[in-house]
Amino acid sequence: PAVSEPFCDPLPEGKIYKVTAARLAVQ
């Protein structure tokens, strides 16, 4: 959900993405 707190910049609601996979690359 969106966040709106005193003394902080408001943050919008998170965007929904249809994530189907994850990739990792290291060493």
mmCIF file of all heavy atoms, coordinates in Angstrom:
data_MODEL
# 
_entry.id   MODEL 
# 
loop_
_atom_site.group_PDB 
_atom_site.id 
_atom_site.type_symbol 
_atom_site.label_atom_id 
_atom_site.label_alt_id 
_atom_site.label_comp_id 
_atom_site.label_asym_id 
_atom_site.label_entity_id 
_atom_site.label_seq_id 
_atom_site.pdbx_PDB_ins_code 
_atom_site.Cartn_x 
_atom_site.Cartn_y 
_atom_site.Cartn_z 
_atom_site.occupancy 
_atom_site.B_iso_or_equiv 
_atom_site.pdbx_formal_charge 
_atom_site.auth_seq_id 
_atom_site.auth_comp_id 
_atom_site.auth_asym_id 
_atom_site.auth_atom_id 
_atom_site.pdbx_PDB_model_num 
ATOM 1   N N   . PRO A 1 1  ? 0.822  -1.218  0.000   1.00 0.00 ? 1  PRO A N   1 
ATOM 2   C CA  . PRO A 1 1  ? 0.000  0.000   0.000   1.00 0.00 ? 1  PRO A CA  1 
ATOM 3   C C   . PRO A 1 1  ? 0.856  1.268   0.000   1.00 0.00 ? 1  PRO A C   1 
ATOM 4   O O   . PRO A 1 1  ? 2.032  1.243   0.384   1.00 0.00 ? 1  PRO A O   1 
ATOM 5   C CB  . PRO A 1 1  ? -0.803 -0.116  1.290   1.00 0.00 ? 1  PRO A CB  1 
ATOM 6   C CG  . PRO A 1 1  ? -0.027 -1.044  2.156   1.00 0.00 ? 1  PRO A CG  1 
ATOM 7   C CD  . PRO A 1 1  ? 0.732  -1.963  1.245   1.00 0.00 ? 1  PRO A CD  1 
ATOM 8   N N   . ALA A 1 2  ? 0.252  2.346   -0.407  1.00 0.00 ? 2  ALA A N   1 
ATOM 9   C CA  . ALA A 1 2  ? 0.922  3.651   -0.357  1.00 0.00 ? 2  ALA A CA  1 
ATOM 10  C C   . ALA A 1 2  ? 1.215  3.991   1.097   1.00 0.00 ? 2  ALA A C   1 
ATOM 11  O O   . ALA A 1 2  ? 0.515  3.547   2.010   1.00 0.00 ? 2  ALA A O   1 
ATOM 12  C CB  . ALA A 1 2  ? 0.031  4.714   -0.986  1.00 0.00 ? 2  ALA A CB  1 
ATOM 13  N N   . VAL A 1 3  ? 2.259  4.777   1.311   1.00 0.00 ? 3  VAL A N   1 
ATOM 14  C CA  . VAL A 1 3  ? 2.652  5.180   2.662   1.00 0.00 ? 3  VAL A CA  1 
ATOM 15  C C   . VAL A 1 3  ? 2.679  6.699   2.727   1.00 0.00 ? 3  VAL A C   1 
ATOM 16  O O   . VAL A 1 3  ? 3.293  7.348   1.882   1.00 0.00 ? 3  VAL A O   1 
ATOM 17  C CB  . VAL A 1 3  ? 4.048  4.621   3.032   1.00 0.00 ? 3  VAL A CB  1 
ATOM 18  C CG1 . VAL A 1 3  ? 4.486  5.122   4.390   1.00 0.00 ? 3  VAL A CG1 1 
ATOM 19  C CG2 . VAL A 1 3  ? 4.057  3.108   2.984   1.00 0.00 ? 3  VAL A CG2 1 
ATOM 20  N N   . SER A 1 4  ? 2.016  7.233   3.731   1.00 0.00 ? 4  SER A N   1 
ATOM 21  C CA  . SER A 1 4  ? 2.032  8.666   3.944   1.00 0.00 ? 4  SER A CA  1 
ATOM 22  C C   . SER A 1 4  ? 2.159  8.904   5.443   1.00 0.00 ? 4  SER A C   1 
ATOM 23  O O   . SER A 1 4  ? 1.210  8.738   6.193   1.00 0.00 ? 4  SER A O   1 
ATOM 24  C CB  . SER A 1 4  ? 0.747  9.300   3.407   1.00 0.00 ? 4  SER A CB  1 
ATOM 25  O OG  . SER A 1 4  ? 0.802  10.693  3.585   1.00 0.00 ? 4  SER A OG  1 
ATOM 26  N N   . GLU A 1 5  ? 3.353  9.229   5.873   1.00 0.00 ? 5  GLU A N   1 
ATOM 27  C CA  . GLU A 1 5  ? 3.648  9.443   7.293   1.00 0.00 ? 5  GLU A CA  1 
ATOM 28  C C   . GLU A 1 5  ? 4.060  10.900  7.502   1.00 0.00 ? 5  GLU A C   1 
ATOM 29  O O   . GLU A 1 5  ? 4.673  11.506  6.627   1.00 0.00 ? 5  GLU A O   1 
ATOM 30  C CB  . GLU A 1 5  ? 4.798  8.538   7.745   1.00 0.00 ? 5  GLU A CB  1 
ATOM 31  C CG  . GLU A 1 5  ? 4.512  7.047   7.639   1.00 0.00 ? 5  GLU A CG  1 
ATOM 32  C CD  . GLU A 1 5  ? 3.549  6.575   8.700   1.00 0.00 ? 5  GLU A CD  1 
ATOM 33  O OE1 . GLU A 1 5  ? 3.520  7.158   9.794   1.00 0.00 ? 5  GLU A OE1 1 
ATOM 34  O OE2 . GLU A 1 5  ? 2.792  5.617   8.419   1.00 0.00 ? 5  GLU A OE2 1 
ATOM 35  N N   . PRO A 1 6  ? 3.766  11.447  8.681   1.00 0.00 ? 6  PRO A N   1 
ATOM 36  C CA  . PRO A 1 6  ? 4.238  12.813  8.965   1.00 0.00 ? 6  PRO A CA  1 
ATOM 37  C C   . PRO A 1 6  ? 5.765  12.875  8.891   1.00 0.00 ? 6  PRO A C   1 
ATOM 38  O O   . PRO A 1 6  ? 6.445  11.934  9.261   1.00 0.00 ? 6  PRO A O   1 
ATOM 39  C CB  . PRO A 1 6  ? 3.753  13.069  10.390  1.00 0.00 ? 6  PRO A CB  1 
ATOM 40  C CG  . PRO A 1 6  ? 2.763  12.004  10.696  1.00 0.00 ? 6  PRO A CG  1 
ATOM 41  C CD  . PRO A 1 6  ? 3.032  10.856  9.773   1.00 0.00 ? 6  PRO A CD  1 
ATOM 42  N N   . PHE A 1 7  ? 6.286  13.962  8.379   1.00 0.00 ? 7  PHE A N   1 
ATOM 43  C CA  . PHE A 1 7  ? 7.722  14.246  8.288   1.00 0.00 ? 7  PHE A CA  1 
ATOM 44  C C   . PHE A 1 7  ? 8.468  13.349  7.301   1.00 0.00 ? 7  PHE A C   1 
ATOM 45  O O   . PHE A 1 7  ? 9.688  13.297  7.320   1.00 0.00 ? 7  PHE A O   1 
ATOM 46  C CB  . PHE A 1 7  ? 8.395  14.163  9.668   1.00 0.00 ? 7  PHE A CB  1 
ATOM 47  C CG  . PHE A 1 7  ? 7.699  14.971  10.712  1.00 0.00 ? 7  PHE A CG  1 
ATOM 48  C CD1 . PHE A 1 7  ? 6.999  14.350  11.743  1.00 0.00 ? 7  PHE A CD1 1 
ATOM 49  C CD2 . PHE A 1 7  ? 7.690  16.355  10.656  1.00 0.00 ? 7  PHE A CD2 1 
ATOM 50  C CE1 . PHE A 1 7  ? 6.335  15.091  12.705  1.00 0.00 ? 7  PHE A CE1 1 
ATOM 51  C CE2 . PHE A 1 7  ? 7.029  17.104  11.616  1.00 0.00 ? 7  PHE A CE2 1 
ATOM 52  C CZ  . PHE A 1 7  ? 6.345  16.478  12.635  1.00 0.00 ? 7  PHE A CZ  1 
ATOM 53  N N   . CYS A 1 8  ? 7.752  12.609  6.450   1.00 0.00 ? 8  CYS A N   1 
ATOM 54  C CA  . CYS A 1 8  ? 8.390  11.769  5.432   1.00 0.00 ? 8  CYS A CA  1 
ATOM 55  C C   . CYS A 1 8  ? 7.747  12.044  4.081   1.00 0.00 ? 8  CYS A C   1 
ATOM 56  O O   . CYS A 1 8  ? 6.577  12.395  4.001   1.00 0.00 ? 8  CYS A O   1 
ATOM 57  C CB  . CYS A 1 8  ? 8.193  10.285  5.760   1.00 0.00 ? 8  CYS A CB  1 
ATOM 58  S SG  . CYS A 1 8  ? 9.045  9.749   7.238   1.00 0.00 ? 8  CYS A SG  1 
ATOM 59  N N   . ASP A 1 9  ? 8.525  11.854  3.029   1.00 0.00 ? 9  ASP A N   1 
ATOM 60  C CA  . ASP A 1 9  ? 7.955  11.965  1.691   1.00 0.00 ? 9  ASP A CA  1 
ATOM 61  C C   . ASP A 1 9  ? 6.990  10.808  1.481   1.00 0.00 ? 9  ASP A C   1 
ATOM 62  O O   . ASP A 1 9  ? 7.298  9.670   1.850   1.00 0.00 ? 9  ASP A O   1 
ATOM 63  C CB  . ASP A 1 9  ? 9.054  11.905  0.630   1.00 0.00 ? 9  ASP A CB  1 
ATOM 64  C CG  . ASP A 1 9  ? 9.935  13.146  0.648   1.00 0.00 ? 9  ASP A CG  1 
ATOM 65  O OD1 . ASP A 1 9  ? 9.453  14.201  1.100   1.00 0.00 ? 9  ASP A OD1 1 
ATOM 66  O OD2 . ASP A 1 9  ? 11.092 13.045  0.203   1.00 0.00 ? 9  ASP A OD2 1 
ATOM 67  N N   . PRO A 1 10 ? 5.825  11.047  0.895   1.00 0.00 ? 10 PRO A N   1 
ATOM 68  C CA  . PRO A 1 10 ? 4.878  9.955   0.658   1.00 0.00 ? 10 PRO A CA  1 
ATOM 69  C C   . PRO A 1 10 ? 5.422  8.975   -0.384  1.00 0.00 ? 10 PRO A C   1 
ATOM 70  O O   . PRO A 1 10 ? 6.157  9.365   -1.291  1.00 0.00 ? 10 PRO A O   1 
ATOM 71  C CB  . PRO A 1 10 ? 3.631  10.659  0.150   1.00 0.00 ? 10 PRO A CB  1 
ATOM 72  C CG  . PRO A 1 10 ? 4.086  11.982  -0.317  1.00 0.00 ? 10 PRO A CG  1 
ATOM 73  C CD  . PRO A 1 10 ? 5.332  12.329  0.440   1.00 0.00 ? 10 PRO A CD  1 
ATOM 74  N N   . LEU A 1 11 ? 5.075  7.716   -0.220  1.00 0.00 ? 11 LEU A N   1 
ATOM 75  C CA  . LEU A 1 11 ? 5.466  6.683   -1.172  1.00 0.00 ? 11 LEU A CA  1 
ATOM 76  C C   . LEU A 1 11 ? 4.208  6.134   -1.839  1.00 0.00 ? 11 LEU A C   1 
ATOM 77  O O   . LEU A 1 11 ? 3.223  5.839   -1.162  1.00 0.00 ? 11 LEU A O   1 
ATOM 78  C CB  . LEU A 1 11 ? 6.207  5.549   -0.460  1.00 0.00 ? 11 LEU A CB  1 
ATOM 79  C CG  . LEU A 1 11 ? 7.523  5.927   0.204   1.00 0.00 ? 11 LEU A CG  1 
ATOM 80  C CD1 . LEU A 1 11 ? 8.063  4.775   1.031   1.00 0.00 ? 11 LEU A CD1 1 
ATOM 81  C CD2 . LEU A 1 11 ? 8.536  6.334   -0.854  1.00 0.00 ? 11 LEU A CD2 1 
ATOM 82  N N   . PRO A 1 12 ? 4.218  5.995   -3.163  1.00 0.00 ? 12 PRO A N   1 
ATOM 83  C CA  . PRO A 1 12 ? 3.019  5.496   -3.855  1.00 0.00 ? 12 PRO A CA  1 
ATOM 84  C C   . PRO A 1 12 ? 2.832  3.998   -3.628  1.00 0.00 ? 12 PRO A C   1 
ATOM 85  O O   . PRO A 1 12 ? 3.755  3.302   -3.177  1.00 0.00 ? 12 PRO A O   1 
ATOM 86  C CB  . PRO A 1 12 ? 3.334  5.784   -5.320  1.00 0.00 ? 12 PRO A CB  1 
ATOM 87  C CG  . PRO A 1 12 ? 4.822  5.741   -5.391  1.00 0.00 ? 12 PRO A CG  1 
ATOM 88  C CD  . PRO A 1 12 ? 5.315  6.284   -4.063  1.00 0.00 ? 12 PRO A CD  1 
ATOM 89  N N   . GLU A 1 13 ? 1.670  3.520   -3.964  1.00 0.00 ? 13 GLU A N   1 
ATOM 90  C CA  . GLU A 1 13 ? 1.396  2.079   -3.910  1.00 0.00 ? 13 GLU A CA  1 
ATOM 91  C C   . GLU A 1 13 ? 2.372  1.360   -4.833  1.00 0.00 ? 13 GLU A C   1 
ATOM 92  O O   . GLU A 1 13 ? 2.754  1.886   -5.887  1.00 0.00 ? 13 GLU A O   1 
ATOM 93  C CB  . GLU A 1 13 ? -0.039 1.836   -4.377  1.00 0.00 ? 13 GLU A CB  1 
ATOM 94  C CG  . GLU A 1 13 ? -0.444 0.381   -4.379  1.00 0.00 ? 13 GLU A CG  1 
ATOM 95  C CD  . GLU A 1 13 ? -1.892 0.194   -4.795  1.00 0.00 ? 13 GLU A CD  1 
ATOM 96  O OE1 . GLU A 1 13 ? -2.639 1.182   -4.869  1.00 0.00 ? 13 GLU A OE1 1 
ATOM 97  O OE2 . GLU A 1 13 ? -2.260 -0.954  -5.057  1.00 0.00 ? 13 GLU A OE2 1 
ATOM 98  N N   . GLY A 1 14 ? 2.821  0.178   -4.437  1.00 0.00 ? 14 GLY A N   1 
ATOM 99  C CA  . GLY A 1 14 ? 3.755  -0.587  -5.260  1.00 0.00 ? 14 GLY A CA  1 
ATOM 100 C C   . GLY A 1 14 ? 3.110  -1.066  -6.543  1.00 0.00 ? 14 GLY A C   1 
ATOM 101 O O   . GLY A 1 14 ? 1.935  -1.434  -6.565  1.00 0.00 ? 14 GLY A O   1 
ATOM 102 N N   . LYS A 1 15 ? 3.866  -1.038  -7.620  1.00 0.00 ? 15 LYS A N   1 
ATOM 103 C CA  . LYS A 1 15 ? 3.363  -1.471  -8.925  1.00 0.00 ? 15 LYS A CA  1 
ATOM 104 C C   . LYS A 1 15 ? 3.342  -2.997  -8.977  1.00 0.00 ? 15 LYS A C   1 
ATOM 105 O O   . LYS A 1 15 ? 4.235  -3.656  -8.455  1.00 0.00 ? 15 LYS A O   1 
ATOM 106 C CB  . LYS A 1 15 ? 4.265  -0.913  -10.028 1.00 0.00 ? 15 LYS A CB  1 
ATOM 107 C CG  . LYS A 1 15 ? 3.739  -1.146  -11.408 1.00 0.00 ? 15 LYS A CG  1 
ATOM 108 C CD  . LYS A 1 15 ? 4.530  -0.363  -12.435 1.00 0.00 ? 15 LYS A CD  1 
ATOM 109 C CE  . LYS A 1 15 ? 3.947  -0.609  -13.810 1.00 0.00 ? 15 LYS A CE  1 
ATOM 110 N NZ  . LYS A 1 15 ? 4.615  0.128   -14.840 1.00 0.00 ? 15 LYS A NZ  1 
ATOM 111 N N   . ILE A 1 16 ? 2.334  -3.556  -9.606  1.00 0.00 ? 16 ILE A N   1 
ATOM 112 C CA  . ILE A 1 16 ? 2.237  -5.009  -9.746  1.00 0.00 ? 16 ILE A CA  1 
ATOM 113 C C   . ILE A 1 16 ? 2.909  -5.424  -11.053 1.00 0.00 ? 16 ILE A C   1 
ATOM 114 O O   . ILE A 1 16 ? 2.624  -4.856  -12.114 1.00 0.00 ? 16 ILE A O   1 
ATOM 115 C CB  . ILE A 1 16 ? 0.765  -5.455  -9.726  1.00 0.00 ? 16 ILE A CB  1 
ATOM 116 C CG1 . ILE A 1 16 ? 0.181  -5.196  -8.335  1.00 0.00 ? 16 ILE A CG1 1 
ATOM 117 C CG2 . ILE A 1 16 ? 0.638  -6.931  -10.102 1.00 0.00 ? 16 ILE A CG2 1 
ATOM 118 C CD1 . ILE A 1 16 ? -1.288 -5.521  -8.204  1.00 0.00 ? 16 ILE A CD1 1 
ATOM 119 N N   . TYR A 1 17 ? 3.825  -6.387  -10.968 1.00 0.00 ? 17 TYR A N   1 
ATOM 120 C CA  . TYR A 1 17 ? 4.491  -6.965  -12.131 1.00 0.00 ? 17 TYR A CA  1 
ATOM 121 C C   . TYR A 1 17 ? 4.213  -8.468  -12.146 1.00 0.00 ? 17 TYR A C   1 
ATOM 122 O O   . TYR A 1 17 ? 4.245  -9.105  -11.094 1.00 0.00 ? 17 TYR A O   1 
ATOM 123 C CB  . TYR A 1 17 ? 6.014  -6.772  -12.066 1.00 0.00 ? 17 TYR A CB  1 
ATOM 124 C CG  . TYR A 1 17 ? 6.479  -5.352  -12.218 1.00 0.00 ? 17 TYR A CG  1 
ATOM 125 C CD1 . TYR A 1 17 ? 6.975  -4.652  -11.135 1.00 0.00 ? 17 TYR A CD1 1 
ATOM 126 C CD2 . TYR A 1 17 ? 6.447  -4.721  -13.452 1.00 0.00 ? 17 TYR A CD2 1 
ATOM 127 C CE1 . TYR A 1 17 ? 7.429  -3.351  -11.268 1.00 0.00 ? 17 TYR A CE1 1 
ATOM 128 C CE2 . TYR A 1 17 ? 6.900  -3.421  -13.600 1.00 0.00 ? 17 TYR A CE2 1 
ATOM 129 C CZ  . TYR A 1 17 ? 7.393  -2.743  -12.499 1.00 0.00 ? 17 TYR A CZ  1 
ATOM 130 O OH  . TYR A 1 17 ? 7.843  -1.454  -12.644 1.00 0.00 ? 17 TYR A OH  1 
ATOM 131 N N   . LYS A 1 18 ? 4.001  -9.036  -13.298 1.00 0.00 ? 18 LYS A N   1 
ATOM 132 C CA  . LYS A 1 18 ? 3.804  -10.481 -13.413 1.00 0.00 ? 18 LYS A CA  1 
ATOM 133 C C   . LYS A 1 18 ? 5.183  -11.129 -13.593 1.00 0.00 ? 18 LYS A C   1 
ATOM 134 O O   . LYS A 1 18 ? 5.629  -11.408 -14.707 1.00 0.00 ? 18 LYS A O   1 
ATOM 135 C CB  . LYS A 1 18 ? 2.886  -10.811 -14.580 1.00 0.00 ? 18 LYS A CB  1 
ATOM 136 C CG  . LYS A 1 18 ? 2.560  -12.282 -14.653 1.00 0.00 ? 18 LYS A CG  1 
ATOM 137 C CD  . LYS A 1 18 ? 1.663  -12.610 -15.827 1.00 0.00 ? 18 LYS A CD  1 
ATOM 138 C CE  . LYS A 1 18 ? 1.501  -14.118 -15.913 1.00 0.00 ? 18 LYS A CE  1 
ATOM 139 N NZ  . LYS A 1 18 ? 0.936  -14.521 -17.183 1.00 0.00 ? 18 LYS A NZ  1 
ATOM 140 N N   . VAL A 1 19 ? 5.858  -11.339 -12.473 1.00 0.00 ? 19 VAL A N   1 
ATOM 141 C CA  . VAL A 1 19 ? 7.203  -11.928 -12.499 1.00 0.00 ? 19 VAL A CA  1 
ATOM 142 C C   . VAL A 1 19 ? 7.074  -13.435 -12.710 1.00 0.00 ? 19 VAL A C   1 
ATOM 143 O O   . VAL A 1 19 ? 6.343  -14.110 -11.981 1.00 0.00 ? 19 VAL A O   1 
ATOM 144 C CB  . VAL A 1 19 ? 7.966  -11.609 -11.200 1.00 0.00 ? 19 VAL A CB  1 
ATOM 145 C CG1 . VAL A 1 19 ? 9.296  -12.347 -11.156 1.00 0.00 ? 19 VAL A CG1 1 
ATOM 146 C CG2 . VAL A 1 19 ? 8.189  -10.102 -11.071 1.00 0.00 ? 19 VAL A CG2 1 
ATOM 147 N N   . THR A 1 20 ? 7.779  -13.945 -13.706 1.00 0.00 ? 20 THR A N   1 
ATOM 148 C CA  . THR A 1 20 ? 7.703  -15.375 -14.028 1.00 0.00 ? 20 THR A CA  1 
ATOM 149 C C   . THR A 1 20 ? 9.001  -16.126 -13.753 1.00 0.00 ? 20 THR A C   1 
ATOM 150 O O   . THR A 1 20 ? 9.001  -17.348 -13.676 1.00 0.00 ? 20 THR A O   1 
ATOM 151 C CB  . THR A 1 20 ? 7.324  -15.566 -15.503 1.00 0.00 ? 20 THR A CB  1 
ATOM 152 O OG1 . THR A 1 20 ? 8.235  -14.822 -16.322 1.00 0.00 ? 20 THR A OG1 1 
ATOM 153 C CG2 . THR A 1 20 ? 5.902  -15.086 -15.766 1.00 0.00 ? 20 THR A CG2 1 
ATOM 154 N N   . ALA A 1 21 ? 10.108 -15.389 -13.610 1.00 0.00 ? 21 ALA A N   1 
ATOM 155 C CA  . ALA A 1 21 ? 11.398 -16.043 -13.393 1.00 0.00 ? 21 ALA A CA  1 
ATOM 156 C C   . ALA A 1 21 ? 12.358 -15.088 -12.696 1.00 0.00 ? 21 ALA A C   1 
ATOM 157 O O   . ALA A 1 21 ? 12.135 -13.883 -12.648 1.00 0.00 ? 21 ALA A O   1 
ATOM 158 C CB  . ALA A 1 21 ? 11.982 -16.507 -14.723 1.00 0.00 ? 21 ALA A CB  1 
ATOM 159 N N   . ALA A 1 22 ? 13.433 -15.672 -12.158 1.00 0.00 ? 22 ALA A N   1 
ATOM 160 C CA  . ALA A 1 22 ? 14.495 -14.892 -11.514 1.00 0.00 ? 22 ALA A CA  1 
ATOM 161 C C   . ALA A 1 22 ? 15.833 -15.401 -12.044 1.00 0.00 ? 22 ALA A C   1 
ATOM 162 O O   . ALA A 1 22 ? 16.005 -16.604 -12.273 1.00 0.00 ? 22 ALA A O   1 
ATOM 163 C CB  . ALA A 1 22 ? 14.432 -15.043 -10.006 1.00 0.00 ? 22 ALA A CB  1 
ATOM 164 N N   . ARG A 1 23 ? 16.764 -14.483 -12.219 1.00 0.00 ? 23 ARG A N   1 
ATOM 165 C CA  . ARG A 1 23 ? 18.088 -14.833 -12.732 1.00 0.00 ? 23 ARG A CA  1 
ATOM 166 C C   . ARG A 1 23 ? 19.141 -14.313 -11.770 1.00 0.00 ? 23 ARG A C   1 
ATOM 167 O O   . ARG A 1 23 ? 19.051 -13.188 -11.275 1.00 0.00 ? 23 ARG A O   1 
ATOM 168 C CB  . ARG A 1 23 ? 18.293 -14.208 -14.108 1.00 0.00 ? 23 ARG A CB  1 
ATOM 169 C CG  . ARG A 1 23 ? 19.639 -14.510 -14.715 1.00 0.00 ? 23 ARG A CG  1 
ATOM 170 C CD  . ARG A 1 23 ? 19.746 -13.907 -16.095 1.00 0.00 ? 23 ARG A CD  1 
ATOM 171 N NE  . ARG A 1 23 ? 21.117 -14.000 -16.596 1.00 0.00 ? 23 ARG A NE  1 
ATOM 172 C CZ  . ARG A 1 23 ? 21.607 -13.261 -17.570 1.00 0.00 ? 23 ARG A CZ  1 
ATOM 173 N NH1 . ARG A 1 23 ? 20.828 -12.388 -18.181 1.00 0.00 ? 23 ARG A NH1 1 
ATOM 174 N NH2 . ARG A 1 23 ? 22.858 -13.391 -17.935 1.00 0.00 ? 23 ARG A NH2 1 
ATOM 175 N N   . LEU A 1 24 ? 20.167 -15.140 -11.524 1.00 0.00 ? 24 LEU A N   1 
ATOM 176 C CA  . LEU A 1 24 ? 21.281 -14.782 -10.651 1.00 0.00 ? 24 LEU A CA  1 
ATOM 177 C C   . LEU A 1 24 ? 22.585 -15.065 -11.372 1.00 0.00 ? 24 LEU A C   1 
ATOM 178 O O   . LEU A 1 24 ? 22.748 -16.136 -11.976 1.00 0.00 ? 24 LEU A O   1 
ATOM 179 C CB  . LEU A 1 24 ? 21.224 -15.600 -9.351  1.00 0.00 ? 24 LEU A CB  1 
ATOM 180 C CG  . LEU A 1 24 ? 22.406 -15.435 -8.404  1.00 0.00 ? 24 LEU A CG  1 
ATOM 181 C CD1 . LEU A 1 24 ? 22.411 -14.035 -7.781  1.00 0.00 ? 24 LEU A CD1 1 
ATOM 182 C CD2 . LEU A 1 24 ? 22.378 -16.488 -7.314  1.00 0.00 ? 24 LEU A CD2 1 
ATOM 183 N N   . ALA A 1 25 ? 23.516 -14.102 -11.329 1.00 0.00 ? 25 ALA A N   1 
ATOM 184 C CA  . ALA A 1 25 ? 24.843 -14.272 -11.917 1.00 0.00 ? 25 ALA A CA  1 
ATOM 185 C C   . ALA A 1 25 ? 25.887 -13.825 -10.900 1.00 0.00 ? 25 ALA A C   1 
ATOM 186 O O   . ALA A 1 25 ? 25.855 -12.684 -10.430 1.00 0.00 ? 25 ALA A O   1 
ATOM 187 C CB  . ALA A 1 25 ? 24.975 -13.464 -13.206 1.00 0.00 ? 25 ALA A CB  1 
ATOM 188 N N   . VAL A 1 26 ? 26.787 -14.745 -10.539 1.00 0.00 ? 26 VAL A N   1 
ATOM 189 C CA  . VAL A 1 26 ? 27.869 -14.436 -9.595  1.00 0.00 ? 26 VAL A CA  1 
ATOM 190 C C   . VAL A 1 26 ? 28.964 -15.495 -9.758  1.00 0.00 ? 26 VAL A C   1 
ATOM 191 O O   . VAL A 1 26 ? 28.670 -16.685 -9.877  1.00 0.00 ? 26 VAL A O   1 
ATOM 192 C CB  . VAL A 1 26 ? 27.351 -14.380 -8.131  1.00 0.00 ? 26 VAL A CB  1 
ATOM 193 C CG1 . VAL A 1 26 ? 26.718 -15.688 -7.694  1.00 0.00 ? 26 VAL A CG1 1 
ATOM 194 C CG2 . VAL A 1 26 ? 28.438 -13.958 -7.157  1.00 0.00 ? 26 VAL A CG2 1 
ATOM 195 N N   . GLN A 1 27 ? 30.213 -15.081 -9.812  1.00 0.00 ? 27 GLN A N   1 
ATOM 196 C CA  . GLN A 1 27 ? 31.373 -15.969 -9.907  1.00 0.00 ? 27 GLN A CA  1 
ATOM 197 C C   . GLN A 1 27 ? 31.224 -17.063 -10.964 1.00 0.00 ? 27 GLN A C   1 
ATOM 198 O O   . GLN A 1 27 ? 31.497 -18.240 -10.715 1.00 0.00 ? 27 GLN A O   1 
ATOM 199 C CB  . GLN A 1 27 ? 31.662 -16.612 -8.546  1.00 0.00 ? 27 GLN A CB  1 
ATOM 200 C CG  . GLN A 1 27 ? 32.237 -15.664 -7.546  1.00 0.00 ? 27 GLN A CG  1 
ATOM 201 C CD  . GLN A 1 27 ? 32.692 -16.355 -6.265  1.00 0.00 ? 27 GLN A CD  1 
ATOM 202 O OE1 . GLN A 1 27 ? 32.401 -17.521 -6.009  1.00 0.00 ? 27 GLN A OE1 1 
ATOM 203 N NE2 . GLN A 1 27 ? 33.415 -15.617 -5.447  1.00 0.00 ? 27 GLN A NE2 1 
# 
